């Protein structure tokens, strides 16, 4: 399995690998930050639902911020932005300096990986939501 590494300082676009990595260090940091913010939201929502003694089925709502946290953390780990893949861009430079992907095969590979990331995050969020809802309280 190909893996995108962060062992470079160069910020040019030559590090893009279709279906493997499409973001550089600045974008990776942003995805990790998003993961932490969403995780904090999941914890806060869970604590609130417990504090108000919400019915079990409403506790499923934590699935949404957990999925968001997983999405951010997975993207940071994989050095791959699913949103960029769907938009057909990549960025190894400063934030906001995306470059379009012109090759159709590269776009298809990126979009397949994006769908796997989305599916993994959604599945993880659902597992966490169901587990939280089933807690005997």
Protein backbone atom coordinates (compact mmCIF):
# COMPACT_ATOMS: atom_id res chain seq x y z
CA UNK A 1 0.00 0.00 0.00
CA UNK A 2 1.37 3.41 -0.95
CA UNK A 3 1.70 5.85 1.90
CA UNK A 4 2.20 9.60 1.75
CA UNK A 5 4.97 10.71 4.08
CA UNK A 6 5.60 14.08 5.66
CA UNK A 7 9.40 13.82 5.48
CA UNK A 8 9.74 16.84 3.24
CA UNK A 9 9.99 20.57 3.58
CA UNK A 10 9.33 21.28 -0.09
CA UNK A 11 5.87 22.81 -0.56
CA UNK A 12 5.53 22.39 -4.31
CA UNK A 13 2.83 20.28 -5.90
CA UNK A 14 5.14 17.38 -6.80
CA UNK A 15 4.15 15.39 -3.69
CA UNK A 16 0.62 14.76 -4.88
CA UNK A 17 -0.12 11.06 -5.36
CA UNK A 18 -3.56 10.20 -6.79
CA UNK A 19 -5.62 8.17 -4.35
CA UNK A 20 -2.81 8.31 -1.77
CA UNK A 21 -2.23 11.88 -0.57
CA UNK A 22 -3.47 15.28 -1.64
CA UNK A 23 -2.60 17.63 1.25
CA UNK A 24 0.57 18.92 2.85
CA UNK A 25 1.52 19.89 6.41
CA UNK A 26 -0.70 22.99 6.79
CA UNK A 27 -3.80 21.16 5.60
CA UNK A 28 -2.96 18.12 7.78
CA UNK A 29 -2.82 20.39 10.84
CA UNK A 30 -6.20 21.85 9.90
CA UNK A 31 -7.78 18.37 9.60
CA UNK A 32 -6.34 17.34 12.98
CA UNK A 33 -7.73 20.53 14.58
CA UNK A 34 -11.13 19.79 13.08
CA UNK A 35 -10.95 16.30 14.59
CA UNK A 36 -10.23 17.67 18.06
CA UNK A 37 -13.01 20.28 17.86
CA UNK A 38 -15.54 17.66 16.74
CA UNK A 39 -14.37 15.27 19.47
CA UNK A 40 -14.87 18.00 22.08
CA UNK A 41 -18.34 18.58 20.64
CA UNK A 42 -19.14 14.87 20.92
CA UNK A 43 -18.02 14.79 24.54
CA UNK A 44 -19.98 17.95 25.37
CA UNK A 45 -23.11 16.62 23.66
CA UNK A 46 -22.78 13.27 25.43
CA UNK A 47 -22.32 14.96 28.80
CA UNK A 48 -25.33 17.18 28.18
CA UNK A 49 -27.54 14.26 27.16
CA UNK A 50 -26.52 12.38 30.29
CA UNK A 51 -27.04 15.45 32.50
CA UNK A 52 -30.61 15.94 31.28
CA UNK A 53 -31.31 12.21 31.49
CA UNK A 54 -32.19 12.10 27.79
CA UNK A 55 -33.88 8.97 26.45
CA UNK A 56 -31.55 6.34 25.02
CA UNK A 57 -32.61 6.92 21.42
CA UNK A 58 -31.63 10.61 21.59
CA UNK A 59 -28.12 9.60 22.65
CA UNK A 60 -27.64 8.33 19.10
CA UNK A 61 -27.03 11.98 18.22
CA UNK A 62 -23.42 11.70 19.37
CA UNK A 63 -22.82 9.71 16.17
CA UNK A 64 -22.72 12.95 14.18
CA UNK A 65 -19.86 14.75 15.97
CA UNK A 66 -18.00 11.45 16.46
CA UNK A 67 -18.17 10.87 12.69
CA UNK A 68 -16.88 14.41 12.17
CA UNK A 69 -14.00 13.79 14.55
CA UNK A 70 -13.13 10.54 12.83
CA UNK A 71 -13.28 12.24 9.44
CA UNK A 72 -10.77 14.86 10.58
CA UNK A 73 -8.41 12.39 12.25
CA UNK A 74 -8.51 9.93 9.35
CA UNK A 75 -7.81 12.69 6.84
CA UNK A 76 -4.89 13.94 8.94
CA UNK A 77 -3.44 10.43 9.31
CA UNK A 78 -3.87 9.63 5.62
CA UNK A 79 -2.74 13.11 4.49
CA UNK A 80 -5.77 13.11 2.27
CA UNK A 81 -8.69 15.53 2.21
CA UNK A 82 -11.91 13.89 1.07
CA UNK A 83 -13.51 17.26 0.34
CA UNK A 84 -10.60 18.29 -1.86
CA UNK A 85 -10.84 14.95 -3.68
CA UNK A 86 -14.52 15.48 -4.43
CA UNK A 87 -13.77 19.04 -5.61
CA UNK A 88 -10.87 17.84 -7.76
CA UNK A 89 -8.11 19.82 -6.04
CA UNK A 90 -5.00 19.26 -3.92
CA UNK A 91 -2.82 21.51 -1.75
CA UNK A 92 0.74 21.07 -0.54
CA UNK A 93 1.33 24.79 -0.04
CA UNK A 94 -0.18 27.41 2.22
CA UNK A 95 -3.81 27.17 3.28
CA UNK A 96 -6.14 28.31 0.53
CA UNK A 97 -3.76 27.62 -2.39
CA UNK A 98 -5.44 24.62 -3.99
CA UNK A 99 -4.38 23.34 -7.39
CA UNK A 100 -6.83 21.67 -9.76
CA UNK A 101 -6.40 18.00 -10.69
CA UNK A 102 -6.85 17.66 -14.44
CA UNK A 103 -6.28 13.92 -14.99
CA UNK A 104 -9.51 11.89 -15.04
CA UNK A 105 -7.86 8.73 -13.67
CA UNK A 106 -6.32 10.68 -10.80
CA UNK A 107 -9.71 12.27 -10.04
CA UNK A 108 -11.36 8.85 -10.00
CA UNK A 109 -8.70 7.42 -7.66
CA UNK A 110 -9.06 10.42 -5.33
CA UNK A 111 -12.83 10.15 -5.25
CA UNK A 112 -12.71 6.41 -4.47
CA UNK A 113 -10.45 7.11 -1.52
CA UNK A 114 -12.70 9.98 -0.40
CA UNK A 115 -15.71 7.66 -0.36
CA UNK A 116 -13.76 5.12 1.74
CA UNK A 117 -12.85 7.84 4.23
CA UNK A 118 -16.46 9.03 4.43
CA UNK A 119 -17.76 5.48 4.86
CA UNK A 120 -15.22 4.68 7.59
CA UNK A 121 -16.03 7.86 9.53
CA UNK A 122 -19.79 7.33 9.23
CA UNK A 123 -19.52 3.69 10.31
CA UNK A 124 -17.36 4.64 13.29
CA UNK A 125 -19.77 7.40 14.28
CA UNK A 126 -22.72 5.02 14.09
CA UNK A 127 -20.93 2.42 16.21
CA UNK A 128 -20.12 5.06 18.83
CA UNK A 129 -23.67 6.44 18.76
CA UNK A 130 -25.27 3.01 19.17
CA UNK A 131 -22.83 2.08 21.94
CA UNK A 132 -23.60 5.34 23.78
CA UNK A 133 -27.34 4.83 23.34
CA UNK A 134 -27.11 1.30 24.73
CA UNK A 135 -25.23 2.30 27.88
CA UNK A 136 -27.25 1.12 30.88
CA UNK A 137 -27.87 4.31 32.84
